[in-house]
Amino acid sequence: MRTSKPISNIGYISPELFRQRANDLRQSGAVGPVVWVSHKPEGGDKKPHLHILLLDGWGTYETVGLEAKFGYEIFPDGSKASLTARWQRTKDVRDWILYAIHEPTYLARKATFGKTAYSWDDLKITSGDEEILESLKNEAIEALEAGEGLVYRIVRHWVKQGKDWPSLVVSGLLPIATYGNAKYLFDTLKGRSVGACAD
């Protein structure tokens, strides 16, 4: 497959070796920016593995044999590991990121439970591309928050700003039919620390 879209894969080489290979390939111009997350074994996958994303905007990838550029690793027990040959086009980088770190709210909205959650800091990128990663994280967070209900976002913002319930009512931002539930939500969020209601 030839594609200029972002593509993803899974690899079984160690994170340290993958980082070195990805950085070497990036520096040589063989690939564009590479993002990855190291996962512990879970579910049907009994080995530690990497979720890997090659970003678009760099050029066209020929996926046949692309995994070979990342090489392989031979472990002390004699077993050999590499990336798989199953490159897939990735429609939405934000979705890939949220799934790759197993963001709990994102997974819950998809009725997927029981996966180990990873942190935003577990997302890695090739050297020199750190600003790209920060931008991608921000876009993923915005997409996650956009999936919240409108009333929830309005009430959460109001609470974070330290404003009171009457001022929210007279603002006209809430549909009248939502007042009962919105007031309950407002009171609940006010009971939490404002820092917990991050925008």
N, C-alpha and C. Protein backbone atom coordinates (compact mmCIF):
# COMPACT_ATOMS: atom_id res chain seq x y z
N MET A 1 0.85 -1.18 0.00
CA MET A 1 0.00 0.00 0.00
C MET A 1 0.89 1.24 0.00
N ARG A 2 0.56 2.18 -0.85
CA ARG A 2 1.22 3.48 -0.84
C ARG A 2 0.24 4.48 -0.25
N THR A 3 0.69 5.27 0.70
CA THR A 3 -0.21 6.23 1.33
C THR A 3 0.55 7.44 1.84
N SER A 4 -0.13 8.57 1.82
CA SER A 4 0.41 9.78 2.44
C SER A 4 -0.33 10.09 3.73
N LYS A 5 -1.20 9.17 4.14
CA LYS A 5 -1.96 9.30 5.39
C LYS A 5 -1.12 8.80 6.56
N PRO A 6 -1.52 9.16 7.80
CA PRO A 6 -0.82 8.57 8.95
C PRO A 6 -1.08 7.06 8.98
N ILE A 7 -0.08 6.29 9.39
CA ILE A 7 -0.23 4.84 9.46
C ILE A 7 0.26 4.34 10.82
N SER A 8 -0.35 3.25 11.25
CA SER A 8 -0.01 2.72 12.57
C SER A 8 0.35 1.25 12.47
N ASN A 9 0.98 0.78 13.53
CA ASN A 9 1.44 -0.60 13.58
C ASN A 9 1.68 -0.97 15.04
N ILE A 10 2.06 -2.22 15.25
CA ILE A 10 2.44 -2.71 16.58
C ILE A 10 3.82 -3.33 16.44
N GLY A 11 4.66 -3.12 17.45
CA GLY A 11 5.99 -3.69 17.43
C GLY A 11 6.31 -4.37 18.74
N TYR A 12 7.22 -5.32 18.69
CA TYR A 12 7.58 -6.10 19.87
C TYR A 12 9.02 -5.90 20.29
N ILE A 13 9.72 -4.96 19.66
CA ILE A 13 11.09 -4.69 20.10
C ILE A 13 11.05 -3.79 21.34
N SER A 14 12.13 -3.73 22.05
CA SER A 14 12.16 -2.96 23.30
C SER A 14 12.01 -1.47 23.00
N PRO A 15 11.40 -0.72 23.92
CA PRO A 15 11.23 0.72 23.71
C PRO A 15 12.54 1.45 23.48
N GLU A 16 13.59 1.03 24.16
CA GLU A 16 14.89 1.69 24.01
C GLU A 16 15.45 1.52 22.60
N LEU A 17 15.39 0.30 22.09
CA LEU A 17 15.89 0.04 20.75
C LEU A 17 15.00 0.72 19.71
N PHE A 18 13.69 0.69 19.93
CA PHE A 18 12.79 1.34 18.98
C PHE A 18 13.08 2.84 18.91
N ARG A 19 13.25 3.46 20.07
CA ARG A 19 13.55 4.90 20.11
C ARG A 19 14.80 5.21 19.27
N GLN A 20 15.83 4.41 19.46
CA GLN A 20 17.07 4.62 18.71
C GLN A 20 16.85 4.47 17.21
N ARG A 21 16.15 3.40 16.81
CA ARG A 21 15.92 3.15 15.39
C ARG A 21 15.03 4.24 14.79
N ALA A 22 13.97 4.62 15.50
CA ALA A 22 13.07 5.65 14.99
C ALA A 22 13.81 6.98 14.83
N ASN A 23 14.63 7.33 15.81
CA ASN A 23 15.40 8.57 15.72
C ASN A 23 16.40 8.53 14.56
N ASP A 24 17.05 7.39 14.37
CA ASP A 24 17.99 7.25 13.25
C ASP A 24 17.27 7.41 11.92
N LEU A 25 16.12 6.76 11.78
CA LEU A 25 15.36 6.84 10.53
C LEU A 25 14.84 8.26 10.30
N ARG A 26 14.41 8.90 11.36
CA ARG A 26 13.90 10.28 11.25
C ARG A 26 15.03 11.22 10.84
N GLN A 27 16.18 11.06 11.47
CA GLN A 27 17.32 11.93 11.18
C GLN A 27 17.82 11.74 9.74
N SER A 28 17.73 10.52 9.24
CA SER A 28 18.19 10.25 7.87
C SER A 28 17.16 10.68 6.82
N GLY A 29 15.93 11.01 7.27
CA GLY A 29 14.89 11.41 6.33
C GLY A 29 14.11 10.23 5.76
N ALA A 30 14.34 9.03 6.28
CA ALA A 30 13.63 7.85 5.78
C ALA A 30 12.18 7.81 6.23
N VAL A 31 11.87 8.45 7.36
CA VAL A 31 10.49 8.54 7.86
C VAL A 31 10.26 9.94 8.41
N GLY A 32 9.00 10.29 8.55
CA GLY A 32 8.64 11.53 9.20
C GLY A 32 8.56 11.31 10.71
N PRO A 33 7.89 12.23 11.42
CA PRO A 33 7.76 12.08 12.87
C PRO A 33 7.07 10.76 13.24
N VAL A 34 7.58 10.12 14.29
CA VAL A 34 7.05 8.84 14.77
C VAL A 34 6.62 9.02 16.22
N VAL A 35 5.39 8.60 16.52
CA VAL A 35 4.84 8.63 17.88
C VAL A 35 4.65 7.19 18.33
N TRP A 36 4.89 6.92 19.62
CA TRP A 36 4.67 5.57 20.12
C TRP A 36 4.34 5.59 21.61
N VAL A 37 3.72 4.47 22.02
CA VAL A 37 3.41 4.23 23.43
C VAL A 37 3.81 2.79 23.73
N SER A 38 4.49 2.59 24.82
CA SER A 38 4.90 1.25 25.25
C SER A 38 3.79 0.67 26.13
N HIS A 39 3.32 -0.53 25.78
CA HIS A 39 2.25 -1.19 26.54
C HIS A 39 2.76 -2.44 27.24
N LYS A 40 2.18 -2.69 28.40
CA LYS A 40 2.42 -3.94 29.11
C LYS A 40 1.54 -5.02 28.48
N PRO A 41 1.87 -6.30 28.69
CA PRO A 41 1.01 -7.36 28.16
C PRO A 41 -0.40 -7.27 28.75
N GLU A 42 -1.41 -7.48 27.91
CA GLU A 42 -2.79 -7.53 28.41
C GLU A 42 -3.67 -8.16 27.36
N GLY A 43 -4.81 -8.67 27.81
CA GLY A 43 -5.76 -9.27 26.88
C GLY A 43 -5.13 -10.41 26.12
N GLY A 44 -5.35 -10.41 24.80
CA GLY A 44 -4.82 -11.48 23.95
C GLY A 44 -3.35 -11.33 23.64
N ASP A 45 -2.78 -10.16 23.92
CA ASP A 45 -1.38 -9.93 23.63
C ASP A 45 -0.56 -10.18 24.89
N LYS A 46 0.17 -11.28 24.91
CA LYS A 46 0.86 -11.72 26.11
C LYS A 46 2.28 -11.16 26.25
N LYS A 47 2.69 -10.30 25.30
CA LYS A 47 4.04 -9.74 25.35
C LYS A 47 3.97 -8.23 25.47
N PRO A 48 5.02 -7.62 26.06
CA PRO A 48 5.09 -6.16 26.00
C PRO A 48 5.16 -5.76 24.53
N HIS A 49 4.55 -4.63 24.20
CA HIS A 49 4.52 -4.21 22.80
C HIS A 49 4.43 -2.70 22.70
N LEU A 50 4.65 -2.20 21.51
CA LEU A 50 4.58 -0.78 21.22
C LEU A 50 3.45 -0.52 20.23
N HIS A 51 2.70 0.53 20.50
CA HIS A 51 1.76 1.05 19.50
C HIS A 51 2.48 2.20 18.81
N ILE A 52 2.55 2.15 17.50
CA ILE A 52 3.41 3.05 16.72
C ILE A 52 2.57 3.79 15.69
N LEU A 53 2.84 5.08 15.54
CA LEU A 53 2.15 5.90 14.54
C LEU A 53 3.18 6.71 13.77
N LEU A 54 3.15 6.60 12.45
CA LEU A 54 3.96 7.45 11.58
C LEU A 54 3.04 8.55 11.07
N LEU A 55 3.40 9.79 11.35
CA LEU A 55 2.52 10.92 11.04
C LEU A 55 2.54 11.24 9.55
N ASP A 56 1.46 11.85 9.10
CA ASP A 56 1.35 12.30 7.72
C ASP A 56 1.99 13.68 7.58
N GLY A 57 1.96 14.19 6.35
CA GLY A 57 2.52 15.51 6.11
C GLY A 57 4.00 15.49 5.81
N TRP A 58 4.57 14.30 5.75
CA TRP A 58 6.00 14.18 5.51
C TRP A 58 6.29 13.72 4.08
N GLY A 59 5.44 12.85 3.55
CA GLY A 59 5.64 12.29 2.22
C GLY A 59 4.76 11.07 2.06
N THR A 60 5.11 10.21 1.13
CA THR A 60 4.34 9.00 0.87
C THR A 60 5.09 7.79 1.41
N TYR A 61 4.35 6.92 2.10
CA TYR A 61 4.94 5.69 2.62
C TYR A 61 4.56 4.52 1.72
N GLU A 62 5.52 3.68 1.44
CA GLU A 62 5.26 2.37 0.83
C GLU A 62 5.33 1.39 1.99
N THR A 63 4.18 0.83 2.37
CA THR A 63 4.15 0.02 3.59
C THR A 63 4.74 -1.37 3.43
N VAL A 64 4.80 -1.86 2.20
CA VAL A 64 5.37 -3.20 2.01
C VAL A 64 6.85 -3.15 2.38
N GLY A 65 7.22 -3.87 3.41
CA GLY A 65 8.60 -3.91 3.86
C GLY A 65 9.03 -2.75 4.75
N LEU A 66 8.12 -1.82 5.03
CA LEU A 66 8.47 -0.66 5.85
C LEU A 66 8.95 -1.07 7.24
N GLU A 67 8.34 -2.11 7.79
CA GLU A 67 8.72 -2.56 9.14
C GLU A 67 10.18 -2.99 9.20
N ALA A 68 10.71 -3.48 8.08
CA ALA A 68 12.11 -3.95 8.05
C ALA A 68 13.09 -2.81 8.31
N LYS A 69 12.69 -1.57 7.98
CA LYS A 69 13.58 -0.43 8.23
C LYS A 69 13.86 -0.25 9.72
N PHE A 70 12.93 -0.71 10.55
CA PHE A 70 13.09 -0.58 12.00
C PHE A 70 13.91 -1.73 12.58
N GLY A 71 14.24 -2.71 11.74
CA GLY A 71 15.08 -3.82 12.17
C GLY A 71 14.37 -4.78 13.11
N TYR A 72 15.17 -5.58 13.77
CA TYR A 72 14.64 -6.57 14.71
C TYR A 72 15.56 -6.65 15.91
N GLU A 73 15.11 -7.38 16.90
CA GLU A 73 15.88 -7.52 18.14
C GLU A 73 15.92 -8.98 18.52
N ILE A 74 17.08 -9.44 18.93
CA ILE A 74 17.20 -10.81 19.43
C ILE A 74 17.38 -10.73 20.95
N PHE A 75 16.48 -11.38 21.67
CA PHE A 75 16.49 -11.34 23.12
C PHE A 75 17.41 -12.43 23.68
N PRO A 76 17.80 -12.32 24.97
CA PRO A 76 18.73 -13.30 25.57
C PRO A 76 18.27 -14.75 25.43
N ASP A 77 16.94 -14.98 25.37
CA ASP A 77 16.46 -16.37 25.24
C ASP A 77 16.51 -16.86 23.80
N GLY A 78 17.02 -16.02 22.88
CA GLY A 78 17.15 -16.41 21.48
C GLY A 78 15.96 -16.04 20.62
N SER A 79 14.88 -15.56 21.24
CA SER A 79 13.71 -15.19 20.45
C SER A 79 13.97 -13.88 19.70
N LYS A 80 13.29 -13.73 18.58
CA LYS A 80 13.48 -12.58 17.71
C LYS A 80 12.19 -11.76 17.68
N ALA A 81 12.30 -10.44 17.70
CA ALA A 81 11.12 -9.58 17.70
C ALA A 81 11.31 -8.44 16.72
N SER A 82 10.19 -7.95 16.18
CA SER A 82 10.23 -6.85 15.22
C SER A 82 8.87 -6.17 15.21
N LEU A 83 8.68 -5.25 14.29
CA LEU A 83 7.36 -4.69 14.04
C LEU A 83 6.60 -5.69 13.18
N THR A 84 5.27 -5.64 13.25
CA THR A 84 4.49 -6.50 12.37
C THR A 84 4.48 -5.90 10.96
N ALA A 85 3.99 -6.65 10.01
CA ALA A 85 3.86 -6.16 8.63
C ALA A 85 2.47 -5.56 8.41
N ARG A 86 1.68 -5.42 9.45
CA ARG A 86 0.29 -4.98 9.33
C ARG A 86 0.14 -3.47 9.54
N TRP A 87 0.62 -2.70 8.61
CA TRP A 87 0.44 -1.24 8.67
C TRP A 87 -1.00 -0.92 8.33
N GLN A 88 -1.58 0.02 9.07
CA GLN A 88 -2.97 0.42 8.82
C GLN A 88 -3.06 1.93 8.70
N ARG A 89 -3.89 2.39 7.76
CA ARG A 89 -4.16 3.83 7.70
C ARG A 89 -4.89 4.23 8.97
N THR A 90 -4.56 5.39 9.47
CA THR A 90 -5.18 5.91 10.68
C THR A 90 -5.99 7.14 10.31
N LYS A 91 -7.31 7.05 10.45
CA LYS A 91 -8.19 8.14 10.02
C LYS A 91 -8.05 9.38 10.89
N ASP A 92 -7.93 9.19 12.19
CA ASP A 92 -7.93 10.32 13.12
C ASP A 92 -6.82 10.14 14.15
N VAL A 93 -5.81 10.97 14.08
CA VAL A 93 -4.67 10.88 15.00
C VAL A 93 -5.13 11.08 16.43
N ARG A 94 -6.12 11.96 16.64
CA ARG A 94 -6.61 12.19 18.01
C ARG A 94 -7.18 10.91 18.60
N ASP A 95 -7.97 10.18 17.80
CA ASP A 95 -8.52 8.91 18.27
C ASP A 95 -7.40 7.91 18.56
N TRP A 96 -6.40 7.87 17.67
CA TRP A 96 -5.29 6.93 17.87
C TRP A 96 -4.61 7.22 19.20
N ILE A 97 -4.35 8.49 19.48
CA ILE A 97 -3.68 8.87 20.72
C ILE A 97 -4.52 8.48 21.93
N LEU A 98 -5.80 8.82 21.91
CA LEU A 98 -6.67 8.52 23.05
C LEU A 98 -6.78 7.02 23.29
N TYR A 99 -6.83 6.25 22.20
CA TYR A 99 -6.86 4.80 22.38
C TYR A 99 -5.50 4.29 22.84
N ALA A 100 -4.43 4.79 22.26
CA ALA A 100 -3.09 4.29 22.57
C ALA A 100 -2.73 4.46 24.04
N ILE A 101 -3.22 5.55 24.66
CA ILE A 101 -2.94 5.71 26.10
C ILE A 101 -4.07 5.13 26.94
N HIS A 102 -5.06 4.51 26.27
CA HIS A 102 -6.21 3.93 26.96
C HIS A 102 -6.86 4.96 27.89
N GLU A 103 -7.09 6.15 27.34
CA GLU A 103 -7.69 7.22 28.12
C GLU A 103 -9.06 6.73 28.63
N PRO A 104 -9.27 6.69 29.95
CA PRO A 104 -10.46 6.04 30.51
C PRO A 104 -11.79 6.61 30.04
N THR A 105 -11.93 7.92 29.96
CA THR A 105 -13.19 8.51 29.52
C THR A 105 -13.45 8.16 28.06
N TYR A 106 -12.44 8.24 27.24
CA TYR A 106 -12.56 7.90 25.82
C TYR A 106 -13.03 6.45 25.66
N LEU A 107 -12.38 5.53 26.39
CA LEU A 107 -12.76 4.12 26.30
C LEU A 107 -14.16 3.88 26.84
N ALA A 108 -14.52 4.56 27.93
CA ALA A 108 -15.85 4.38 28.51
C ALA A 108 -16.93 4.80 27.53
N ARG A 109 -16.69 5.87 26.77
CA ARG A 109 -17.66 6.30 25.76
C ARG A 109 -17.84 5.27 24.66
N LYS A 110 -16.86 4.40 24.52
CA LYS A 110 -16.95 3.33 23.53
C LYS A 110 -17.32 2.00 24.20
N ALA A 111 -17.74 2.08 25.46
CA ALA A 111 -18.12 0.91 26.25
C ALA A 111 -17.00 -0.12 26.30
N THR A 112 -15.76 0.36 26.42
CA THR A 112 -14.59 -0.51 26.55
C THR A 112 -14.01 -0.28 27.94
N PHE A 113 -13.95 -1.35 28.71
CA PHE A 113 -13.51 -1.22 30.10
C PHE A 113 -12.42 -2.23 30.41
N GLY A 114 -11.70 -1.99 31.50
CA GLY A 114 -10.75 -2.96 32.01
C GLY A 114 -9.36 -2.89 31.40
N LYS A 115 -9.07 -1.89 30.58
CA LYS A 115 -7.73 -1.76 30.01
C LYS A 115 -6.86 -0.90 30.92
N THR A 116 -5.59 -1.20 30.97
CA THR A 116 -4.65 -0.43 31.76
C THR A 116 -4.51 0.96 31.16
N ALA A 117 -4.74 1.99 31.97
CA ALA A 117 -4.60 3.37 31.48
C ALA A 117 -3.13 3.79 31.53
N TYR A 118 -2.73 4.52 30.50
CA TYR A 118 -1.38 5.08 30.44
C TYR A 118 -1.51 6.60 30.55
N SER A 119 -0.41 7.26 30.85
CA SER A 119 -0.47 8.71 31.03
C SER A 119 -0.06 9.41 29.74
N TRP A 120 -0.33 10.72 29.69
CA TRP A 120 0.08 11.52 28.54
C TRP A 120 1.59 11.49 28.40
N ASP A 121 2.30 11.34 29.51
CA ASP A 121 3.76 11.29 29.47
C ASP A 121 4.29 10.00 28.84
N ASP A 122 3.44 8.98 28.73
CA ASP A 122 3.85 7.74 28.10
C ASP A 122 3.91 7.86 26.58
N LEU A 123 3.33 8.92 26.03
CA LEU A 123 3.44 9.18 24.59
C LEU A 123 4.85 9.68 24.30
N LYS A 124 5.51 9.06 23.36
CA LYS A 124 6.87 9.45 22.97
C LYS A 124 6.87 9.85 21.50
N ILE A 125 7.87 10.64 21.12
CA ILE A 125 8.02 11.06 19.73
C ILE A 125 9.50 11.17 19.40
N THR A 126 9.80 11.10 18.12
CA THR A 126 11.17 11.19 17.67
C THR A 126 11.79 12.52 18.09
N SER A 127 13.10 12.49 18.33
CA SER A 127 13.83 13.67 18.80
C SER A 127 13.68 14.83 17.82
N GLY A 128 13.45 16.00 18.40
CA GLY A 128 13.29 17.21 17.58
C GLY A 128 11.84 17.48 17.22
N ASP A 129 10.95 16.53 17.50
CA ASP A 129 9.54 16.69 17.14
C ASP A 129 8.65 16.90 18.37
N GLU A 130 9.25 17.31 19.48
CA GLU A 130 8.49 17.43 20.73
C GLU A 130 7.36 18.45 20.64
N GLU A 131 7.55 19.53 19.90
CA GLU A 131 6.48 20.52 19.75
C GLU A 131 5.28 19.93 19.02
N ILE A 132 5.55 19.06 18.06
CA ILE A 132 4.46 18.38 17.35
C ILE A 132 3.67 17.54 18.33
N LEU A 133 4.37 16.82 19.20
CA LEU A 133 3.68 15.97 20.17
C LEU A 133 2.81 16.79 21.11
N GLU A 134 3.32 17.92 21.58
CA GLU A 134 2.51 18.77 22.46
C GLU A 134 1.24 19.24 21.75
N SER A 135 1.37 19.61 20.50
CA SER A 135 0.22 20.04 19.70
C SER A 135 -0.78 18.89 19.54
N LEU A 136 -0.27 17.68 19.27
CA LEU A 136 -1.15 16.52 19.11
C LEU A 136 -1.87 16.19 20.42
N LYS A 137 -1.17 16.30 21.55
CA LYS A 137 -1.80 16.06 22.84
C LYS A 137 -2.93 17.05 23.07
N ASN A 138 -2.67 18.33 22.80
CA ASN A 138 -3.70 19.36 22.99
C ASN A 138 -4.91 19.10 22.11
N GLU A 139 -4.69 18.70 20.87
CA GLU A 139 -5.79 18.39 19.96
C GLU A 139 -6.59 17.20 20.47
N ALA A 140 -5.91 16.19 21.00
CA ALA A 140 -6.60 15.01 21.53
C ALA A 140 -7.42 15.37 22.77
N ILE A 141 -6.87 16.22 23.63
CA ILE A 141 -7.61 16.66 24.82
C ILE A 141 -8.84 17.46 24.41
N GLU A 142 -8.69 18.34 23.43
CA GLU A 142 -9.84 19.11 22.94
C GLU A 142 -10.91 18.19 22.37
N ALA A 143 -10.50 17.17 21.61
CA ALA A 143 -11.46 16.22 21.04
C ALA A 143 -12.17 15.45 22.14
N LEU A 144 -11.43 15.08 23.19
CA LEU A 144 -12.02 14.36 24.32
C LEU A 144 -13.07 15.24 25.00
N GLU A 145 -12.72 16.51 25.24
CA GLU A 145 -13.64 17.42 25.90
C GLU A 145 -14.84 17.75 25.02
N ALA A 146 -14.63 17.78 23.71
CA ALA A 146 -15.74 18.07 22.79
C ALA A 146 -16.78 16.95 22.82
N GLY A 147 -16.36 15.77 23.26
CA GLY A 147 -17.29 14.65 23.35
C GLY A 147 -18.20 14.74 24.57
N GLU A 148 -17.92 15.67 25.46
CA GLU A 148 -18.77 15.87 26.64
C GLU A 148 -20.05 16.57 26.20
N GLY A 149 -21.09 16.42 26.97
CA GLY A 149 -22.32 17.12 26.68
C GLY A 149 -22.15 18.63 26.80
N LEU A 150 -22.89 19.36 25.98
CA LEU A 150 -22.79 20.81 25.97
C LEU A 150 -23.11 21.40 27.35
N VAL A 151 -24.17 20.93 27.97
CA VAL A 151 -24.56 21.45 29.28
C VAL A 151 -23.44 21.19 30.29
N TYR A 152 -22.86 20.00 30.25
CA TYR A 152 -21.77 19.68 31.17
C TYR A 152 -20.60 20.65 30.98
N ARG A 153 -20.21 20.90 29.74
CA ARG A 153 -19.08 21.79 29.48
C ARG A 153 -19.36 23.20 29.98
N ILE A 154 -20.60 23.69 29.77
CA ILE A 154 -20.95 25.04 30.21
C ILE A 154 -20.90 25.14 31.73
N VAL A 155 -21.52 24.16 32.40
CA VAL A 155 -21.56 24.18 33.87
C VAL A 155 -20.16 24.05 34.44
N ARG A 156 -19.37 23.16 33.89
CA ARG A 156 -18.01 22.97 34.39
C ARG A 156 -17.20 24.26 34.24
N HIS A 157 -17.33 24.91 33.10
CA HIS A 157 -16.62 26.18 32.88
C HIS A 157 -17.07 27.23 33.90
N TRP A 158 -18.37 27.31 34.13
CA TRP A 158 -18.91 28.30 35.07
C TRP A 158 -18.36 28.08 36.47
N VAL A 159 -18.33 26.81 36.89
CA VAL A 159 -17.81 26.48 38.22
C VAL A 159 -16.33 26.83 38.31
N LYS A 160 -15.59 26.50 37.27
CA LYS A 160 -14.15 26.79 37.28
C LYS A 160 -13.89 28.29 37.38
N GLN A 161 -14.75 29.08 36.78
CA GLN A 161 -14.59 30.53 36.83
C GLN A 161 -15.01 31.12 38.17
N GLY A 162 -15.56 30.27 39.06
CA GLY A 162 -15.96 30.73 40.38
C GLY A 162 -17.27 31.51 40.38
N LYS A 163 -18.06 31.36 39.33
CA LYS A 163 -19.33 32.09 39.24
C LYS A 163 -20.44 31.32 39.94
N ASP A 164 -21.52 32.01 40.25
CA ASP A 164 -22.60 31.37 40.98
C ASP A 164 -23.72 30.91 40.05
N TRP A 165 -24.63 30.11 40.62
CA TRP A 165 -25.74 29.53 39.85
C TRP A 165 -26.65 30.60 39.24
N PRO A 166 -27.09 31.63 40.01
CA PRO A 166 -27.98 32.63 39.41
C PRO A 166 -27.38 33.30 38.17
N SER A 167 -26.08 33.56 38.20
CA SER A 167 -25.47 34.22 37.04
C SER A 167 -25.47 33.29 35.82
N LEU A 168 -25.39 31.98 36.05
CA LEU A 168 -25.47 31.03 34.93
C LEU A 168 -26.88 31.01 34.36
N VAL A 169 -27.88 31.03 35.23
CA VAL A 169 -29.27 31.02 34.77
C VAL A 169 -29.57 32.24 33.91
N VAL A 170 -29.17 33.42 34.37
CA VAL A 170 -29.48 34.64 33.61
C VAL A 170 -28.59 34.82 32.38
N SER A 171 -27.54 34.01 32.28
CA SER A 171 -26.66 34.13 31.11
C SER A 171 -27.35 33.66 29.83
N GLY A 172 -28.36 32.81 29.97
CA GLY A 172 -29.07 32.30 28.80
C GLY A 172 -28.34 31.18 28.09
N LEU A 173 -27.24 30.69 28.65
CA LEU A 173 -26.47 29.64 28.00
C LEU A 173 -27.13 28.27 28.09
N LEU A 174 -27.92 28.05 29.12
CA LEU A 174 -28.52 26.74 29.33
C LEU A 174 -29.96 26.71 28.81
N PRO A 175 -30.33 25.66 28.09
CA PRO A 175 -31.74 25.50 27.74
C PRO A 175 -32.57 25.32 29.01
N ILE A 176 -33.73 25.96 29.08
CA ILE A 176 -34.56 25.93 30.29
C ILE A 176 -34.87 24.50 30.72
N ALA A 177 -35.09 23.62 29.76
CA ALA A 177 -35.45 22.24 30.09
C ALA A 177 -34.33 21.49 30.83
N THR A 178 -33.11 22.04 30.84
CA THR A 178 -31.98 21.36 31.50
C THR A 178 -31.71 21.89 32.90
N TYR A 179 -32.46 22.89 33.36
CA TYR A 179 -32.13 23.54 34.64
C TYR A 179 -32.03 22.58 35.81
N GLY A 180 -32.94 21.64 35.92
CA GLY A 180 -32.92 20.72 37.07
C GLY A 180 -31.63 19.91 37.10
N ASN A 181 -31.32 19.27 36.00
CA ASN A 181 -30.10 18.47 35.94
C ASN A 181 -28.85 19.35 36.02
N ALA A 182 -28.91 20.52 35.39
CA ALA A 182 -27.75 21.43 35.41
C ALA A 182 -27.48 21.91 36.83
N LYS A 183 -28.53 22.19 37.59
CA LYS A 183 -28.34 22.64 38.98
C LYS A 183 -27.72 21.53 39.81
N TYR A 184 -28.18 20.31 39.61
CA TYR A 184 -27.60 19.17 40.33
C TYR A 184 -26.11 19.04 39.98
N LEU A 185 -25.79 19.14 38.70
CA LEU A 185 -24.40 19.07 38.25
C LEU A 185 -23.59 20.22 38.83
N PHE A 186 -24.15 21.43 38.81
CA PHE A 186 -23.47 22.61 39.35
C PHE A 186 -23.11 22.38 40.82
N ASP A 187 -24.09 21.94 41.60
CA ASP A 187 -23.86 21.69 43.02
C ASP A 187 -22.82 20.60 43.24
N THR A 188 -22.86 19.56 42.42
CA THR A 188 -21.91 18.46 42.54
C THR A 188 -20.49 18.95 42.24
N LEU A 189 -20.35 19.69 41.16
CA LEU A 189 -19.02 20.20 40.80
C LEU A 189 -18.51 21.22 41.81
N LYS A 190 -19.41 22.02 42.37
CA LYS A 190 -19.01 23.00 43.39
C LYS A 190 -18.48 22.28 44.63
N GLY A 191 -18.95 21.07 44.90
CA GLY A 191 -18.50 20.31 46.04
C GLY A 191 -17.09 19.78 45.85
N ARG A 192 -16.62 19.73 44.61
CA ARG A 192 -15.25 19.29 44.31
C ARG A 192 -14.36 20.51 44.28
N SER A 193 -13.06 20.28 44.33
CA SER A 193 -12.14 21.40 44.20
C SER A 193 -12.19 21.90 42.76
N VAL A 194 -12.05 23.19 42.57
CA VAL A 194 -12.13 23.77 41.24
C VAL A 194 -11.04 23.21 40.34
N GLY A 195 -9.88 22.88 40.88
CA GLY A 195 -8.79 22.31 40.09
C GLY A 195 -9.17 20.98 39.48
N ALA A 196 -10.13 20.28 40.10
CA ALA A 196 -10.56 18.99 39.55
C ALA A 196 -11.48 19.16 38.35
N CYS A 197 -11.91 20.37 38.11
CA CYS A 197 -12.82 20.65 37.00
C CYS A 197 -12.05 21.28 35.86
N ALA A 198 -10.96 20.64 35.46
CA ALA A 198 -10.06 21.24 34.48
C ALA A 198 -10.75 21.49 33.15
N ASP A 199 -10.45 22.63 32.55
CA ASP A 199 -10.99 22.93 31.21
C ASP A 199 -10.06 22.40 30.17
